[in-house]
PDB file of N, CA and C in Angstrom:
ATOM      1  N   MET A   1     111.533 103.342 111.884  1.00  0.00           N
ATOM      2  CA  MET A   1     111.563 103.728 110.490  1.00  0.00           C
ATOM      3  C   MET A   1     111.327 102.516 109.586  1.00  0.00           C
ATOM      4  N   GLN A   2     111.941 101.381 109.939  1.00  0.00           N
ATOM      5  CA  GLN A   2     111.782 100.173 109.135  1.00  0.00           C
ATOM      6  C   GLN A   2     110.328  99.698 109.152  1.00  0.00           C
ATOM      7  N   VAL A   3     109.667  99.847 110.292  1.00  0.00           N
ATOM      8  CA  VAL A   3     108.264  99.448 110.396  1.00  0.00           C
ATOM      9  C   VAL A   3     107.413 100.282 109.441  1.00  0.00           C
ATOM     10  N   LEU A   4     107.666 101.583 109.397  1.00  0.00           N
ATOM     11  CA  LEU A   4     106.902 102.459 108.501  1.00  0.00           C
ATOM     12  C   LEU A   4     107.102 102.073 107.044  1.00  0.00           C
ATOM     13  N   ASN A   5     108.324 101.727 106.685  1.00  0.00           N
ATOM     14  CA  ASN A   5     108.599 101.296 105.308  1.00  0.00           C
ATOM     15  C   ASN A   5     107.860 100.004 104.970  1.00  0.00           C
ATOM     16  N   LEU A   6     107.833  99.081 105.913  1.00  0.00           N
ATOM     17  CA  LEU A   6     107.126  97.816 105.693  1.00  0.00           C
ATOM     18  C   LEU A   6     105.617  98.038 105.582  1.00  0.00           C
ATOM     19  N   VAL A   7     105.084  98.900 106.436  1.00  0.00           N
ATOM     20  CA  VAL A   7     103.649  99.196 106.384  1.00  0.00           C
ATOM     21  C   VAL A   7     103.316  99.873 105.058  1.00  0.00           C
ATOM     22  N   ARG A   8     104.161 100.769 104.607  1.00  0.00           N
ATOM     23  CA  ARG A   8     103.954 101.428 103.312  1.00  0.00           C
ATOM     24  C   ARG A   8     104.004 100.402 102.182  1.00  0.00           C
ATOM     25  N   GLU A   9     104.965  99.483 102.264  1.00  0.00           N
ATOM     26  CA  GLU A   9     105.062  98.421 101.256  1.00  0.00           C
ATOM     27  C   GLU A   9     103.788  97.578 101.247  1.00  0.00           C
ATOM     28  N   PHE A  10     103.285  97.249 102.432  1.00  0.00           N
ATOM     29  CA  PHE A  10     102.043  96.484 102.555  1.00  0.00           C
ATOM     30  C   PHE A  10     100.887  97.230 101.890  1.00  0.00           C
ATOM     31  N   GLU A  11     100.766  98.509 102.191  1.00  0.00           N
ATOM     32  CA  GLU A  11      99.662  99.309 101.658  1.00  0.00           C
ATOM     33  C   GLU A  11      99.742  99.481 100.146  1.00  0.00           C
ATOM     34  N   MET A  12     100.922  99.427  99.576  1.00  0.00           N
ATOM     35  CA  MET A  12     101.100  99.641  98.138  1.00  0.00           C
ATOM     36  C   MET A  12     100.849  98.370  97.319  1.00  0.00           C
ATOM     37  N   GLN A  13     100.750  97.233  97.968  1.00  0.00           N
ATOM     38  CA  GLN A  13     100.582  95.967  97.255  1.00  0.00           C
ATOM     39  C   GLN A  13      99.243  95.898  96.532  1.00  0.00           C
ATOM     40  N   ARG A  14      99.275  95.349  95.326  1.00  0.00           N
ATOM     41  CA  ARG A  14      98.084  95.064  94.534  1.00  0.00           C
ATOM     42  C   ARG A  14      98.288  93.700  93.896  1.00  0.00           C
ATOM     43  N   MET A  15      97.212  92.977  93.721  1.00  0.00           N
ATOM     44  CA  MET A  15      97.327  91.661  93.105  1.00  0.00           C
ATOM     45  C   MET A  15      97.504  91.813  91.600  1.00  0.00           C
ATOM     46  N   LYS A  16      98.500  91.118  91.067  1.00  0.00           N
ATOM     47  CA  LYS A  16      98.757  91.146  89.626  1.00  0.00           C
ATOM     48  C   LYS A  16      97.852  90.133  88.934  1.00  0.00           C
ATOM     49  N   LYS A  17      97.585  90.362  87.652  1.00  0.00           N
ATOM     50  CA  LYS A  17      96.707  89.458  86.898  1.00  0.00           C
ATOM     51  C   LYS A  17      97.261  88.042  86.844  1.00  0.00           C
ATOM     52  N   SER A  18      98.569  87.922  86.781  1.00  0.00           N
ATOM     53  CA  SER A  18      99.188  86.600  86.652  1.00  0.00           C
ATOM     54  C   SER A  18      99.371  85.904  88.000  1.00  0.00           C
ATOM     55  N   GLU A  19      99.075  86.595  89.083  1.00  0.00           N
ATOM     56  CA  GLU A  19      99.319  86.084  90.425  1.00  0.00           C
ATOM     57  C   GLU A  19      98.136  85.251  90.921  1.00  0.00           C
ATOM     58  N   THR A  20      98.436  84.198  91.671  1.00  0.00           N
ATOM     59  CA  THR A  20      97.374  83.396  92.287  1.00  0.00           C
ATOM     60  C   THR A  20      97.050  83.971  93.664  1.00  0.00           C
ATOM     61  N   ILE A  21      95.921  83.553  94.208  1.00  0.00           N
ATOM     62  CA  ILE A  21      95.523  83.989  95.550  1.00  0.00           C
ATOM     63  C   ILE A  21      96.591  83.600  96.561  1.00  0.00           C
ATOM     64  N   LYS A  22      97.090  82.379  96.455  1.00  0.00           N
ATOM     65  CA  LYS A  22      98.112  81.896  97.394  1.00  0.00           C
ATOM     66  C   LYS A  22      99.356  82.769  97.342  1.00  0.00           C
ATOM     67  N   GLU A  23      99.825  83.076  96.146  1.00  0.00           N
ATOM     68  CA  GLU A  23     101.022  83.911  96.005  1.00  0.00           C
ATOM     69  C   GLU A  23     100.797  85.296  96.606  1.00  0.00           C
ATOM     70  N   TYR A  24      99.632  85.861  96.330  1.00  0.00           N
ATOM     71  CA  TYR A  24      99.338  87.211  96.813  1.00  0.00           C
ATOM     72  C   TYR A  24      99.221  87.243  98.338  1.00  0.00           C
ATOM     73  N   THR A  25      98.468  86.305  98.920  1.00  0.00           N
ATOM     74  CA  THR A  25      98.319  86.300 100.377  1.00  0.00           C
ATOM     75  C   THR A  25      99.633  85.957 101.065  1.00  0.00           C
ATOM     76  N   ASP A  26     100.432  85.089 100.460  1.00  0.00           N
ATOM     77  CA  ASP A  26     101.748  84.781 101.033  1.00  0.00           C
ATOM     78  C   ASP A  26     102.629  86.023 101.073  1.00  0.00           C
ATOM     79  N   LYS A  27     102.565  86.822 100.016  1.00  0.00           N
ATOM     80  CA  LYS A  27     103.360  88.052  99.957  1.00  0.00           C
ATOM     81  C   LYS A  27     102.911  89.026 101.052  1.00  0.00           C
ATOM     82  N   LEU A  28     101.588  89.177 101.207  1.00  0.00           N
ATOM     83  CA  LEU A  28     101.069  90.065 102.246  1.00  0.00           C
ATOM     84  C   LEU A  28     101.417  89.557 103.642  1.00  0.00           C
ATOM     85  N   LEU A  29     101.298  88.249 103.845  1.00  0.00           N
ATOM     86  CA  LEU A  29     101.638  87.667 105.149  1.00  0.00           C
ATOM     87  C   LEU A  29     103.111  87.835 105.483  1.00  0.00           C
ATOM     88  N   SER A  30     103.952  87.716 104.492  1.00  0.00           N
ATOM     89  CA  SER A  30     105.387  87.886 104.701  1.00  0.00           C
ATOM     90  C   SER A  30     105.695  89.292 105.214  1.00  0.00           C
ATOM     91  N   ILE A  31     105.084  90.277 104.589  1.00  0.00           N
ATOM     92  CA  ILE A  31     105.298  91.662 105.026  1.00  0.00           C
ATOM     93  C   ILE A  31     104.724  91.865 106.425  1.00  0.00           C
ATOM     94  N   ALA A  32     103.513  91.348 106.665  1.00  0.00           N
ATOM     95  CA  ALA A  32     102.872  91.493 107.974  1.00  0.00           C
ATOM     96  C   ALA A  32     103.702  90.834 109.073  1.00  0.00           C
ATOM     97  N   ASN A  33     104.267  89.676 108.795  1.00  0.00           N
ATOM     98  CA  ASN A  33     105.093  88.991 109.794  1.00  0.00           C
ATOM     99  C   ASN A  33     106.372  89.762 110.101  1.00  0.00           C
ATOM    100  N   LYS A  34     106.937  90.417 109.100  1.00  0.00           N
ATOM    101  CA  LYS A  34     108.119  91.262 109.342  1.00  0.00           C
ATOM    102  C   LYS A  34     107.764  92.425 110.259  1.00  0.00           C
ATOM    103  N   VAL A  35     106.587  93.010 110.044  1.00  0.00           N
ATOM    104  CA  VAL A  35     106.132  94.105 110.908  1.00  0.00           C
ATOM    105  C   VAL A  35     105.934  93.586 112.328  1.00  0.00           C
ATOM    106  N   ARG A  36     105.329  92.410 112.462  1.00  0.00           N
ATOM    107  CA  ARG A  36     105.098  91.824 113.783  1.00  0.00           C
ATOM    108  C   ARG A  36     106.404  91.521 114.504  1.00  0.00           C
ATOM    109  N   LEU A  37     107.408  91.086 113.757  1.00  0.00           N
ATOM    110  CA  LEU A  37     108.712  90.802 114.369  1.00  0.00           C
ATOM    111  C   LEU A  37     109.345  92.050 114.964  1.00  0.00           C
ATOM    112  N   LEU A  38     109.031  93.179 114.396  1.00  0.00           N
ATOM    113  CA  LEU A  38     109.564  94.443 114.902  1.00  0.00           C
ATOM    114  C   LEU A  38     108.679  94.999 116.015  1.00  0.00           C
ATOM    115  N   SER A  39     107.910  94.113 116.625  1.00  0.00           N
ATOM    116  CA  SER A  39     107.058  94.375 117.791  1.00  0.00           C
ATOM    117  C   SER A  39     105.968  95.416 117.540  1.00  0.00           C
ATOM    118  N   SER A  40     105.461  95.422 116.353  1.00  0.00           N
ATOM    119  CA  SER A  40     104.349  96.313 116.050  1.00  0.00           C
ATOM    120  C   SER A  40     103.095  95.464 115.847  1.00  0.00           C
ATOM    121  N   ASP A  41     101.959  95.958 116.313  1.00  0.00           N
ATOM    122  CA  ASP A  41     100.702  95.222 116.195  1.00  0.00           C
ATOM    123  C   ASP A  41     100.214  95.261 114.748  1.00  0.00           C
ATOM    124  N   PHE A  42      99.878  94.098 114.216  1.00  0.00           N
ATOM    125  CA  PHE A  42      99.393  93.999 112.838  1.00  0.00           C
ATOM    126  C   PHE A  42      98.385  92.859 112.802  1.00  0.00           C
ATOM    127  N   SER A  43      97.110  93.192 112.792  1.00  0.00           N
ATOM    128  CA  SER A  43      96.061  92.177 112.942  1.00  0.00           C
ATOM    129  C   SER A  43      95.769  91.439 111.638  1.00  0.00           C
ATOM    130  N   ASP A  44      95.274  90.217 111.795  1.00  0.00           N
ATOM    131  CA  ASP A  44      94.865  89.424 110.635  1.00  0.00           C
ATOM    132  C   ASP A  44      93.687  90.075 109.916  1.00  0.00           C
ATOM    133  N   SER A  45      92.821  90.743 110.678  1.00  0.00           N
ATOM    134  CA  SER A  45      91.672  91.399 110.043  1.00  0.00           C
ATOM    135  C   SER A  45      92.130  92.512 109.102  1.00  0.00           C
ATOM    136  N   ARG A  46      93.243  93.124 109.408  1.00  0.00           N
ATOM    137  CA  ARG A  46      93.801  94.147 108.511  1.00  0.00           C
ATOM    138  C   ARG A  46      94.247  93.509 107.192  1.00  0.00           C
ATOM    139  N   ILE A  47      94.806  92.318 107.275  1.00  0.00           N
ATOM    140  CA  ILE A  47      95.230  91.600 106.070  1.00  0.00           C
ATOM    141  C   ILE A  47      94.003  91.192 105.259  1.00  0.00           C
ATOM    142  N   VAL A  48      92.968  90.705 105.936  1.00  0.00           N
ATOM    143  CA  VAL A  48      91.732  90.312 105.253  1.00  0.00           C
ATOM    144  C   VAL A  48      91.146  91.516 104.518  1.00  0.00           C
ATOM    145  N   GLN A  49      91.074  92.659 105.190  1.00  0.00           N
ATOM    146  CA  GLN A  49      90.532  93.865 104.557  1.00  0.00           C
ATOM    147  C   GLN A  49      91.376  94.296 103.362  1.00  0.00           C
ATOM    148  N   LYS A  50      92.681  94.160 103.480  1.00  0.00           N
ATOM    149  CA  LYS A  50      93.578  94.510 102.375  1.00  0.00           C
ATOM    150  C   LYS A  50      93.320  93.599 101.176  1.00  0.00           C
ATOM    151  N   VAL A  51      93.205  92.306 101.423  1.00  0.00           N
ATOM    152  CA  VAL A  51      92.942  91.357 100.339  1.00  0.00           C
ATOM    153  C   VAL A  51      91.616  91.698  99.668  1.00  0.00           C
ATOM    154  N   LEU A  52      90.579  91.922 100.460  1.00  0.00           N
ATOM    155  CA  LEU A  52      89.259  92.233  99.906  1.00  0.00           C
ATOM    156  C   LEU A  52      89.272  93.511  99.070  1.00  0.00           C
ATOM    157  N   ALA A  53      90.036  94.489  99.505  1.00  0.00           N
ATOM    158  CA  ALA A  53      90.050  95.786  98.822  1.00  0.00           C
ATOM    159  C   ALA A  53      90.887  95.792  97.549  1.00  0.00           C
ATOM    160  N   THR A  54      91.791  94.847  97.415  1.00  0.00           N
ATOM    161  CA  THR A  54      92.736  94.915  96.291  1.00  0.00           C
ATOM    162  C   THR A  54      92.611  93.768  95.292  1.00  0.00           C
ATOM    163  N   LEU A  55      91.593  92.952  95.436  1.00  0.00           N
ATOM    164  CA  LEU A  55      91.415  91.850  94.486  1.00  0.00           C
ATOM    165  C   LEU A  55      90.877  92.357  93.153  1.00  0.00           C
ATOM    166  N   PRO A  56      91.255  91.696  92.064  1.00  0.00           N
ATOM    167  CA  PRO A  56      90.692  92.057  90.759  1.00  0.00           C
ATOM    168  C   PRO A  56      89.195  91.734  90.691  1.00  0.00           C
ATOM    169  N   GLU A  57      88.529  92.286  89.692  1.00  0.00           N
ATOM    170  CA  GLU A  57      87.079  92.114  89.540  1.00  0.00           C
ATOM    171  C   GLU A  57      86.649  90.660  89.403  1.00  0.00           C
ATOM    172  N   ARG A  58      87.520  89.810  88.915  1.00  0.00           N
ATOM    173  CA  ARG A  58      87.116  88.416  88.686  1.00  0.00           C
ATOM    174  C   ARG A  58      86.729  87.696  89.982  1.00  0.00           C
ATOM    175  N   TYR A  59      87.053  88.277  91.132  1.00  0.00           N
ATOM    176  CA  TYR A  59      86.705  87.670  92.419  1.00  0.00           C
ATOM    177  C   TYR A  59      85.486  88.329  93.066  1.00  0.00           C
ATOM    178  N   ASP A  60      84.864  89.267  92.381  1.00  0.00           N
ATOM    179  CA  ASP A  60      83.737  90.002  92.962  1.00  0.00           C
ATOM    180  C   ASP A  60      82.592  89.096  93.396  1.00  0.00           C
ATOM    181  N   THR A  61      82.281  88.071  92.609  1.00  0.00           N
ATOM    182  CA  THR A  61      81.153  87.197  92.966  1.00  0.00           C
ATOM    183  C   THR A  61      81.410  86.448  94.274  1.00  0.00           C
ATOM    184  N   THR A  62      82.631  85.999  94.464  1.00  0.00           N
ATOM    185  CA  THR A  62      82.974  85.292  95.703  1.00  0.00           C
ATOM    186  C   THR A  62      82.920  86.242  96.890  1.00  0.00           C
ATOM    187  N   ILE A  63      83.443  87.445  96.713  1.00  0.00           N
ATOM    188  CA  ILE A  63      83.414  88.436  97.790  1.00  0.00           C
ATOM    189  C   ILE A  63      81.968  88.789  98.133  1.00  0.00           C
ATOM    190  N   PHE A  64      81.144  88.999  97.102  1.00  0.00           N
ATOM    191  CA  PHE A  64      79.732  89.318  97.307  1.00  0.00           C
ATOM    192  C   PHE A  64      79.036  88.202  98.081  1.00  0.00           C
ATOM    193  N   SER A  65      79.313  86.967  97.711  1.00  0.00           N
ATOM    194  CA  SER A  65      78.721  85.814  98.385  1.00  0.00           C
ATOM    195  C   SER A  65      79.149  85.759  99.855  1.00  0.00           C
ATOM    196  N   LEU A  66      80.427  85.978 100.113  1.00  0.00           N
ATOM    197  CA  LEU A  66      80.924  85.978 101.496  1.00  0.00           C
ATOM    198  C   LEU A  66      80.267  87.088 102.316  1.00  0.00           C
ATOM    199  N   GLU A  67      80.163  88.272 101.718  1.00  0.00           N
ATOM    200  CA  GLU A  67      79.562  89.403 102.430  1.00  0.00           C
ATOM    201  C   GLU A  67      78.107  89.128 102.794  1.00  0.00           C
ATOM    202  N   ASN A  68      77.407  88.375 101.953  1.00  0.00           N
ATOM    203  CA  ASN A  68      75.996  88.082 102.205  1.00  0.00           C
ATOM    204  C   ASN A  68      75.778  86.920 103.159  1.00  0.00           C
ATOM    205  N   THR A  69      76.783  86.078 103.348  1.00  0.00           N
ATOM    206  CA  THR A  69      76.585  84.895 104.185  1.00  0.00           C
ATOM    207  C   THR A  69      77.352  84.921 105.501  1.00  0.00           C
ATOM    208  N   LYS A  70      78.329  85.799 105.620  1.00  0.00           N
ATOM    209  CA  LYS A  70      79.153  85.805 106.835  1.00  0.00           C
ATOM    210  C   LYS A  70      79.335  87.216 107.365  1.00  0.00           C
ATOM    211  N   ASP A  71      79.652  87.292 108.639  1.00  0.00           N
ATOM    212  CA  ASP A  71      80.031  88.562 109.249  1.00  0.00           C
ATOM    213  C   ASP A  71      81.488  88.812 108.861  1.00  0.00           C
ATOM    214  N   MET A  72      81.713  89.778 107.987  1.00  0.00           N
ATOM    215  CA  MET A  72      83.054  89.992 107.433  1.00  0.00           C
ATOM    216  C   MET A  72      84.078  90.399 108.491  1.00  0.00           C
ATOM    217  N   SER A  73      83.617  90.916 109.616  1.00  0.00           N
ATOM    218  CA  SER A  73      84.564  91.277 110.673  1.00  0.00           C
ATOM    219  C   SER A  73      85.112  90.035 111.376  1.00  0.00           C
ATOM    220  N   LYS A  74      84.455  88.879 111.157  1.00  0.00           N
ATOM    221  CA  LYS A  74      84.891  87.639 111.803  1.00  0.00           C
ATOM    222  C   LYS A  74      85.504  86.632 110.834  1.00  0.00           C
ATOM    223  N   VAL A  75      85.562  86.976 109.552  1.00  0.00           N
ATOM    224  CA  VAL A  75      86.138  86.067 108.556  1.00  0.00           C
ATOM    225  C   VAL A  75      87.652  86.024 108.739  1.00  0.00           C
ATOM    226  N   THR A  76      88.184  84.809 108.829  1.00  0.00           N
ATOM    227  CA  THR A  76      89.633  84.662 108.983  1.00  0.00           C
ATOM    228  C   THR A  76      90.303  84.686 107.612  1.00  0.00           C
ATOM    229  N   LEU A  77      91.593  84.908 107.636  1.00  0.00           N
ATOM    230  CA  LEU A  77      92.352  84.910 106.390  1.00  0.00           C
ATOM    231  C   LEU A  77      92.280  83.537 105.728  1.00  0.00           C
ATOM    232  N   ALA A  78      92.316  82.477 106.521  1.00  0.00           N
ATOM    233  CA  ALA A  78      92.246  81.116 105.977  1.00  0.00           C
ATOM    234  C   ALA A  78      90.905  80.875 105.276  1.00  0.00           C
ATOM    235  N   GLU A  79      89.799  81.316 105.883  1.00  0.00           N
ATOM    236  CA  GLU A  79      88.479  81.158 105.258  1.00  0.00           C
ATOM    237  C   GLU A  79      88.412  81.907 103.934  1.00  0.00           C
ATOM    238  N   LEU A  80      88.895  83.139 103.950  1.00  0.00           N
ATOM    239  CA  LEU A  80      88.883  83.955 102.737  1.00  0.00           C
ATOM    240  C   LEU A  80      89.737  83.320 101.654  1.00  0.00           C
ATOM    241  N   GLN A  81      90.921  82.895 102.043  1.00  0.00           N
ATOM    242  CA  GLN A  81      91.848  82.285 101.086  1.00  0.00           C
ATOM    243  C   GLN A  81      91.244  81.010 100.492  1.00  0.00           C
ATOM    244  N   ASN A  82      90.621  80.179 101.316  1.00  0.00           N
ATOM    245  CA  ASN A  82      90.006  78.937 100.823  1.00  0.00           C
ATOM    246  C   ASN A  82      88.885  79.220  99.828  1.00  0.00           C
ATOM    247  N   ALA A  83      88.033  80.187 100.136  1.00  0.00           N
ATOM    248  CA  ALA A  83      86.926  80.521  99.235  1.00  0.00           C
ATOM    249  C   ALA A  83      87.452  81.044  97.900  1.00  0.00           C
ATOM    250  N   LEU A  84      88.447  81.896  97.962  1.00  0.00           N
ATOM    251  CA  LEU A  84      88.996  82.479  96.733  1.00  0.00           C
ATOM    252  C   LEU A  84      89.770  81.447  95.914  1.00  0.00           C
ATOM    253  N   GLN A  85      90.489  80.554  96.592  1.00  0.00           N
ATOM    254  CA  GLN A  85      91.223  79.509  95.875  1.00  0.00           C
ATOM    255  C   GLN A  85      90.260  78.533  95.203  1.00  0.00           C
ATOM    256  N   ALA A  86      89.135  78.251  95.849  1.00  0.00           N
ATOM    257  CA  ALA A  86      88.141  77.358  95.245  1.00  0.00           C
ATOM    258  C   ALA A  86      87.614  77.962  93.946  1.00  0.00           C
ATOM    259  N   GLN A  87      87.324  79.259  93.961  1.00  0.00           N
ATOM    260  CA  GLN A  87      86.857  79.918  92.739  1.00  0.00           C
ATOM    261  C   GLN A  87      87.948  79.895  91.672  1.00  0.00           C
ATOM    262  N   GLU A  88      89.174  80.143  92.081  1.00  0.00           N
ATOM    263  CA  GLU A  88      90.311  80.149  91.154  1.00  0.00           C
ATOM    264  C   GLU A  88      90.469  78.777  90.484  1.00  0.00           C
ATOM    265  N   GLN A  89      90.334  77.714  91.275  1.00  0.00           N
ATOM    266  CA  GLN A  89      90.465  76.361  90.735  1.00  0.00           C
ATOM    267  C   GLN A  89      89.324  76.035  89.777  1.00  0.00           C
ATOM    268  N   ARG A  90      88.090  76.446  90.119  1.00  0.00           N
ATOM    269  CA  ARG A  90      86.953  76.218  89.214  1.00  0.00           C
ATOM    270  C   ARG A  90      87.170  76.940  87.891  1.00  0.00           C
ATOM    271  N   ARG A  91      87.658  78.165  87.957  1.00  0.00           N
ATOM    272  CA  ARG A  91      87.903  78.938  86.734  1.00  0.00           C
ATOM    273  C   ARG A  91      88.984  78.262  85.888  1.00  0.00           C
ATOM    274  N   MET A  92      90.033  77.772  86.522  1.00  0.00           N
ATOM    275  CA  MET A  92      91.107  77.107  85.775  1.00  0.00           C
ATOM    276  C   MET A  92      90.601  75.821  85.130  1.00  0.00           C
ATOM    277  N   LEU A  93      89.771  75.052  85.834  1.00  0.00           N
ATOM    278  CA  LEU A  93      89.211  73.823  85.264  1.00  0.00           C
ATOM    279  C   LEU A  93      88.322  74.125  84.067  1.00  0.00           C
ATOM    280  N   ARG A  94      87.509  75.177  84.171  1.00  0.00           N
ATOM    281  CA  ARG A  94      86.661  75.576  83.044  1.00  0.00           C
ATOM    282  C   ARG A  94      87.507  75.985  81.848  1.00  0.00           C
ATOM    283  N   ASN A  95      88.546  76.761  82.108  1.00  0.00           N
ATOM    284  CA  ASN A  95      89.419  77.204  81.018  1.00  0.00           C
ATOM    285  C   ASN A  95      90.121  76.024  80.363  1.00  0.00           C
ATOM    286  N   GLU A  96      90.588  75.075  81.173  1.00  0.00           N
ATOM    287  CA  GLU A  96      91.237  73.882  80.619  1.00  0.00           C
ATOM    288  C   GLU A  96      90.242  73.093  79.778  1.00  0.00           C
ATOM    289  N   GLY A  97      89.002  72.990  80.247  1.00  0.00           N
ATOM    290  CA  GLY A  97      87.968  72.275  79.501  1.00  0.00           C
ATOM    291  C   GLY A  97      87.671  72.936  78.172  1.00  0.00           C
ATOM    292  N   SER A  98      87.613  74.258  78.156  1.00  0.00           N
ATOM    293  CA  SER A  98      87.324  74.947  76.893  1.00  0.00           C
ATOM    294  C   SER A  98      88.511  74.866  75.947  1.00  0.00           C
ATOM    295  N   ILE A  99      89.718  74.857  76.473  1.00  0.00           N
ATOM    296  CA  ILE A  99      90.908  74.698  75.626  1.00  0.00           C
ATOM    297  C   ILE A  99      90.929  73.301  75.021  1.00  0.00           C
ATOM    298  N   GLU A 100      90.635  72.286  75.856  1.00  0.00           N
ATOM    299  CA  GLU A 100      90.594  70.913  75.348  1.00  0.00           C
ATOM    300  C   GLU A 100      89.516  70.773  74.278  1.00  0.00           C
ATOM    301  N   GLY A 101      88.357  71.387  74.509  1.00  0.00           N
ATOM    302  CA  GLY A 101      87.276  71.334  73.526  1.00  0.00           C
ATOM    303  C   GLY A 101      87.678  71.992  72.218  1.00  0.00           C
ATOM    304  N   ALA A 102      88.372  73.107  72.300  1.00  0.00           N
ATOM    305  CA  ALA A 102      88.826  73.802  71.092  1.00  0.00           C
ATOM    306  C   ALA A 102      89.855  72.961  70.344  1.00  0.00           C
ATOM    307  N   LEU A 103      90.740  72.308  71.091  1.00  0.00           N
ATOM    308  CA  LEU A 103      91.745  71.455  70.450  1.00  0.00           C
ATOM    309  C   LEU A 103      91.092  70.251  69.771  1.00  0.00           C
ATOM    310  N   GLN A 104      90.079  69.672  70.421  1.00  0.00           N
ATOM    311  CA  GLN A 104      89.376  68.538  69.814  1.00  0.00           C
ATOM    312  C   GLN A 104      88.643  68.971  68.553  1.00  0.00           C
ATOM    313  N   ALA A 105      88.023  70.143  68.579  1.00  0.00           N
ATOM    314  CA  ALA A 105      87.319  70.650  67.395  1.00  0.00           C
ATOM    315  C   ALA A 105      88.302  70.885  66.259  1.00  0.00           C
ATOM    316  N   LYS A 106      89.458  71.451  66.574  1.00  0.00           N
ATOM    317  CA  LYS A 106      90.475  71.696  65.549  1.00  0.00           C
ATOM    318  C   LYS A 106      90.972  70.371  64.976  1.00  0.00           C
ATOM    319  N   LEU A 107      91.162  69.372  65.836  1.00  0.00           N
ATOM    320  CA  LEU A 107      91.606  68.060  65.385  1.00  0.00           C
ATOM    321  C   LEU A 107      90.573  67.441  64.444  1.00  0.00           C
ATOM    322  N   GLN A 108      89.303  67.552  64.783  1.00  0.00           N
ATOM    323  CA  GLN A 108      88.243  67.006  63.931  1.00  0.00           C
ATOM    324  C   GLN A 108      88.201  67.720  62.585  1.00  0.00           C
ATOM    325  N   ILE A 109      88.392  69.031  62.588  1.00  0.00           N
ATOM    326  CA  ILE A 109      88.415  69.791  61.333  1.00  0.00           C
ATOM    327  C   ILE A 109      89.587  69.341  60.477  1.00  0.00           C
ATOM    328  N   ASN A 110      90.757  69.211  61.120  1.00  0.00           N
ATOM    329  CA  ASN A 110      91.951  68.771  60.387  1.00  0.00           C
ATOM    330  C   ASN A 110      91.770  67.360  59.824  1.00  0.00           C
ATOM    331  N   GLN A 111      91.150  66.475  60.588  1.00  0.00           N
ATOM    332  CA  GLN A 111      90.919  65.115  60.108  1.00  0.00           C
ATOM    333  C   GLN A 111      89.943  65.125  58.935  1.00  0.00           C
ATOM    334  N   GLY A 112      88.935  65.985  59.000  1.00  0.00           N
ATOM    335  CA  GLY A 112      87.979  66.105  57.904  1.00  0.00           C
ATOM    336  C   GLY A 112      88.646  66.602  56.637  1.00  0.00           C
ATOM    337  N   GLU A 113      89.569  67.550  56.772  1.00  0.00           N
ATOM    338  CA  GLU A 113      90.301  68.059  55.606  1.00  0.00           C
ATOM    339  C   GLU A 113      91.208  66.981  55.025  1.00  0.00           C
ATOM    340  N   ASN A 114      91.836  66.205  55.886  1.00  0.00           N
ATOM    341  CA  ASN A 114      92.707  65.116  55.419  1.00  0.00           C
ATOM    342  C   ASN A 114      91.898  64.051  54.682  1.00  0.00           C
ATOM    343  N   ASP A 115      90.695  63.750  55.182  1.00  0.00           N
ATOM    344  CA  ASP A 115      89.832  62.770  54.515  1.00  0.00           C
ATOM    345  C   ASP A 115      89.436  63.261  53.123  1.00  0.00           C
ATOM    346  N   LYS A 116      89.153  64.557  52.997  1.00  0.00           N
ATOM    347  CA  LYS A 116      88.778  65.128  51.699  1.00  0.00           C
ATOM    348  C   LYS A 116      89.950  65.051  50.721  1.00  0.00           C
ATOM    349  N   LYS A 117      91.158  65.311  51.217  1.00  0.00           N
ATOM    350  CA  LYS A 117      92.350  65.267  50.360  1.00  0.00           C
ATOM    351  C   LYS A 117      92.602  63.853  49.854  1.00  0.00           C
ATOM    352  N   MET A 118      92.352  62.870  50.706  1.00  0.00           N
ATOM    353  CA  MET A 118      92.590  61.480  50.320  1.00  0.00           C
ATOM    354  C   MET A 118      91.595  61.021  49.256  1.00  0.00           C
ATOM    355  N   LYS A 119      90.372  61.544  49.297  1.00  0.00           N
ATOM    356  CA  LYS A 119      89.350  61.169  48.320  1.00  0.00           C
ATOM    357  C   LYS A 119      89.645  61.766  46.951  1.00  0.00           C
ATOM    358  N   CYS A 120      90.305  62.905  46.938  1.00  0.00           N
ATOM    359  CA  CYS A 120      90.593  63.574  45.660  1.00  0.00           C
ATOM    360  C   CYS A 120      91.670  62.907  44.922  1.00  0.00           C
TER     361      CYS A 120
END
């Protein structure tokens, strides 16, 4: 009975917008390992398929790229996780860069306004 509850919990999991790939895969692995401890077979390929099926749209390009370059039946969880984390890190760096750029632009505008006030 406990195995069925764990499998149901696994199947109900979805990645949240605020969640990272690492957090999500760790959560799925934790449930899968509990099922395995109860002597039930739970393959890594099942976890890979679950991750692929439940990722938000922002990862579609990475998934599409993997599907076109690799045999998805042979992709390990580690390979999938590494590819998705790389995309996640690139997106975070871009966002940080655009935030820094916006802050610099705001600072320049504020400095320009201060210069105008001093001239008056």
